[in-house]
């Protein structure tokens, strides 16, 4: 089905207090970033937050579901999606507990096998 930009904007607006936010379109759906970390996915206009121990404690008894077929279960946020303070705190907790993204390696050229930046 794919998610609507308006729903993504709604989510970003509701978590604006969480930190530095952005969304990136991926395969018709969206990844939500907080402070440079992927903390959630928006798939079929539903919000899936990456599971962390602190997030689980904050939610209590979270509903869990995969964001797409074959994905690991995430916290499915539906009932409290309009609770800006609660949702922002969940995203802050999640971002704090997730590891920093690993730096990308430079791509190798086909001819020499050298890194592009190594010349």
C-alpha atoms as a PDB file:
ATOM      1  CA  UNK A   1       0.000   0.000   0.000  1.00  0.00           C
ATOM      2  CA  UNK A   2       2.690   2.523   0.924  1.00  0.00           C
ATOM      3  CA  UNK A   3       2.508   5.299   3.470  1.00  0.00           C
ATOM      4  CA  UNK A   4       1.340   8.858   2.915  1.00  0.00           C
ATOM      5  CA  UNK A   5       3.719  11.771   3.437  1.00  0.00           C
ATOM      6  CA  UNK A   6       0.951  13.456   5.442  1.00  0.00           C
ATOM      7  CA  UNK A   7       0.978  10.595   7.983  1.00  0.00           C
ATOM      8  CA  UNK A   8       4.773  10.762   8.254  1.00  0.00           C
ATOM      9  CA  UNK A   9       4.530  14.527   8.814  1.00  0.00           C
ATOM     10  CA  UNK A  10       1.894  13.874  11.516  1.00  0.00           C
ATOM     11  CA  UNK A  11       4.247  11.447  13.291  1.00  0.00           C
ATOM     12  CA  UNK A  12       7.215  13.829  13.023  1.00  0.00           C
ATOM     13  CA  UNK A  13       5.081  16.645  14.414  1.00  0.00           C
ATOM     14  CA  UNK A  14       4.014  14.494  17.358  1.00  0.00           C
ATOM     15  CA  UNK A  15       7.605  13.542  18.260  1.00  0.00           C
ATOM     16  CA  UNK A  16       9.200  16.934  17.626  1.00  0.00           C
ATOM     17  CA  UNK A  17      10.384  17.114  21.263  1.00  0.00           C
ATOM     18  CA  UNK A  18      12.426  13.884  20.960  1.00  0.00           C
ATOM     19  CA  UNK A  19      15.573  15.286  19.338  1.00  0.00           C
ATOM     20  CA  UNK A  20      16.952  15.900  15.852  1.00  0.00           C
ATOM     21  CA  UNK A  21      14.423  14.207  13.565  1.00  0.00           C
ATOM     22  CA  UNK A  22      14.188  13.263   9.920  1.00  0.00           C
ATOM     23  CA  UNK A  23      12.398  10.769   7.719  1.00  0.00           C
ATOM     24  CA  UNK A  24      13.709   8.965   4.666  1.00  0.00           C
ATOM     25  CA  UNK A  25      11.582   7.266   2.068  1.00  0.00           C
ATOM     26  CA  UNK A  26      12.527   3.635   1.503  1.00  0.00           C
ATOM     27  CA  UNK A  27      10.673   1.261  -0.808  1.00  0.00           C
ATOM     28  CA  UNK A  28       7.430   3.235  -0.539  1.00  0.00           C
ATOM     29  CA  UNK A  29       7.642   3.357   3.254  1.00  0.00           C
ATOM     30  CA  UNK A  30       9.638   5.545   5.654  1.00  0.00           C
ATOM     31  CA  UNK A  31      12.415   5.259   8.209  1.00  0.00           C
ATOM     32  CA  UNK A  32      12.261   7.730  11.100  1.00  0.00           C
ATOM     33  CA  UNK A  33      15.616   8.952  12.415  1.00  0.00           C
ATOM     34  CA  UNK A  34      16.297  10.555  15.775  1.00  0.00           C
ATOM     35  CA  UNK A  35      19.772  11.913  16.444  1.00  0.00           C
ATOM     36  CA  UNK A  36      21.108   9.989  13.437  1.00  0.00           C
ATOM     37  CA  UNK A  37      19.672   6.607  14.456  1.00  0.00           C
ATOM     38  CA  UNK A  38      16.778   4.727  12.838  1.00  0.00           C
ATOM     39  CA  UNK A  39      14.287   4.523  15.703  1.00  0.00           C
ATOM     40  CA  UNK A  40      11.081   3.665  13.884  1.00  0.00           C
ATOM     41  CA  UNK A  41       9.457   2.729  10.598  1.00  0.00           C
ATOM     42  CA  UNK A  42       6.220   3.967   9.105  1.00  0.00           C
ATOM     43  CA  UNK A  43       4.647   1.200   7.035  1.00  0.00           C
ATOM     44  CA  UNK A  44       1.093   1.238   5.679  1.00  0.00           C
ATOM     45  CA  UNK A  45       0.466   4.399   7.728  1.00  0.00           C
ATOM     46  CA  UNK A  46       1.294   2.654  11.002  1.00  0.00           C
ATOM     47  CA  UNK A  47       4.148   3.478  13.388  1.00  0.00           C
ATOM     48  CA  UNK A  48       6.569   0.704  14.352  1.00  0.00           C
ATOM     49  CA  UNK A  49       9.183   1.645  16.984  1.00  0.00           C
ATOM     50  CA  UNK A  50      12.352  -0.421  17.376  1.00  0.00           C
ATOM     51  CA  UNK A  51      12.146  -2.491  20.553  1.00  0.00           C
ATOM     52  CA  UNK A  52      14.459  -1.651  23.453  1.00  0.00           C
ATOM     53  CA  UNK A  53      14.281  -2.599  27.147  1.00  0.00           C
ATOM     54  CA  UNK A  54      13.634   1.020  28.147  1.00  0.00           C
ATOM     55  CA  UNK A  55      10.949   1.385  25.495  1.00  0.00           C
ATOM     56  CA  UNK A  56       9.245  -1.753  26.765  1.00  0.00           C
ATOM     57  CA  UNK A  57       9.328  -0.384  30.335  1.00  0.00           C
ATOM     58  CA  UNK A  58       7.915   2.952  29.134  1.00  0.00           C
ATOM     59  CA  UNK A  59       5.054   1.319  27.218  1.00  0.00           C
ATOM     60  CA  UNK A  60       4.242  -1.362  29.765  1.00  0.00           C
ATOM     61  CA  UNK A  61       2.637  -4.114  27.696  1.00  0.00           C
ATOM     62  CA  UNK A  62       3.400  -3.156  24.087  1.00  0.00           C
ATOM     63  CA  UNK A  63       1.598  -4.483  21.057  1.00  0.00           C
ATOM     64  CA  UNK A  64       4.217  -6.036  18.805  1.00  0.00           C
ATOM     65  CA  UNK A  65       4.107  -6.755  15.082  1.00  0.00           C
ATOM     66  CA  UNK A  66       6.514  -6.886  12.149  1.00  0.00           C
ATOM     67  CA  UNK A  67       6.592  -3.695  10.079  1.00  0.00           C
ATOM     68  CA  UNK A  68       6.695  -5.779   6.871  1.00  0.00           C
ATOM     69  CA  UNK A  69       6.728  -9.506   6.036  1.00  0.00           C
ATOM     70  CA  UNK A  70       9.877 -11.154   7.335  1.00  0.00           C
ATOM     71  CA  UNK A  71      10.801  -8.279   9.674  1.00  0.00           C
ATOM     72  CA  UNK A  72      11.477  -8.710  13.368  1.00  0.00           C
ATOM     73  CA  UNK A  73       8.623  -7.569  15.615  1.00  0.00           C
ATOM     74  CA  UNK A  74       8.591  -3.915  16.625  1.00  0.00           C
ATOM     75  CA  UNK A  75       6.434  -1.964  19.045  1.00  0.00           C
ATOM     76  CA  UNK A  76       3.250  -1.041  17.164  1.00  0.00           C
ATOM     77  CA  UNK A  77       2.047   2.349  18.404  1.00  0.00           C
ATOM     78  CA  UNK A  78      -1.614   3.002  17.699  1.00  0.00           C
ATOM     79  CA  UNK A  79      -3.618   4.016  20.778  1.00  0.00           C
ATOM     80  CA  UNK A  80      -1.236   6.724  22.021  1.00  0.00           C
ATOM     81  CA  UNK A  81       0.059   8.061  18.704  1.00  0.00           C
ATOM     82  CA  UNK A  82      -1.499  11.467  19.436  1.00  0.00           C
ATOM     83  CA  UNK A  83       0.024  11.691  22.936  1.00  0.00           C
ATOM     84  CA  UNK A  84       2.922  13.945  21.968  1.00  0.00           C
ATOM     85  CA  UNK A  85       4.717  13.936  25.327  1.00  0.00           C
ATOM     86  CA  UNK A  86       4.487  10.147  25.791  1.00  0.00           C
ATOM     87  CA  UNK A  87       5.486   9.409  22.189  1.00  0.00           C
ATOM     88  CA  UNK A  88       8.412  11.859  22.247  1.00  0.00           C
ATOM     89  CA  UNK A  89       9.690  10.213  25.424  1.00  0.00           C
ATOM     90  CA  UNK A  90       9.423   6.762  23.813  1.00  0.00           C
ATOM     91  CA  UNK A  91      11.481   7.960  20.836  1.00  0.00           C
ATOM     92  CA  UNK A  92      14.065   9.622  23.132  1.00  0.00           C
ATOM     93  CA  UNK A  93      14.448   6.393  25.133  1.00  0.00           C
ATOM     94  CA  UNK A  94      14.744   4.333  21.963  1.00  0.00           C
ATOM     95  CA  UNK A  95      17.391   6.616  20.435  1.00  0.00           C
ATOM     96  CA  UNK A  96      19.380   6.646  23.663  1.00  0.00           C
ATOM     97  CA  UNK A  97      19.449   2.822  23.867  1.00  0.00           C
ATOM     98  CA  UNK A  98      20.222   2.037  20.229  1.00  0.00           C
ATOM     99  CA  UNK A  99      23.864   1.770  19.158  1.00  0.00           C
ATOM    100  CA  UNK A 100      25.383   4.438  16.937  1.00  0.00           C
ATOM    101  CA  UNK A 101      25.225   3.565  13.237  1.00  0.00           C
ATOM    102  CA  UNK A 102      28.374   2.009  11.827  1.00  0.00           C
ATOM    103  CA  UNK A 103      30.266   4.261   9.414  1.00  0.00           C
ATOM    104  CA  UNK A 104      29.900   3.302   5.759  1.00  0.00           C
ATOM    105  CA  UNK A 105      32.978   1.947   4.023  1.00  0.00           C
ATOM    106  CA  UNK A 106      34.101   3.755   0.862  1.00  0.00           C
ATOM    107  CA  UNK A 107      32.953   2.038  -2.323  1.00  0.00           C
ATOM    108  CA  UNK A 108      35.622   0.275  -4.358  1.00  0.00           C
ATOM    109  CA  UNK A 109      36.048   1.000  -8.031  1.00  0.00           C
ATOM    110  CA  UNK A 110      35.591  -1.882 -10.456  1.00  0.00           C
ATOM    111  CA  UNK A 111      38.870  -1.346 -12.361  1.00  0.00           C
ATOM    112  CA  UNK A 112      41.477  -1.222  -9.615  1.00  0.00           C
ATOM    113  CA  UNK A 113      39.650  -2.358  -6.513  1.00  0.00           C
ATOM    114  CA  UNK A 114      40.867   0.800  -4.751  1.00  0.00           C
ATOM    115  CA  UNK A 115      38.622   2.974  -2.656  1.00  0.00           C
ATOM    116  CA  UNK A 116      37.405   6.059  -4.460  1.00  0.00           C
ATOM    117  CA  UNK A 117      38.725   8.313  -1.743  1.00  0.00           C
ATOM    118  CA  UNK A 118      42.171   6.640  -1.680  1.00  0.00           C
ATOM    119  CA  UNK A 119      43.568   8.303  -4.828  1.00  0.00           C
END
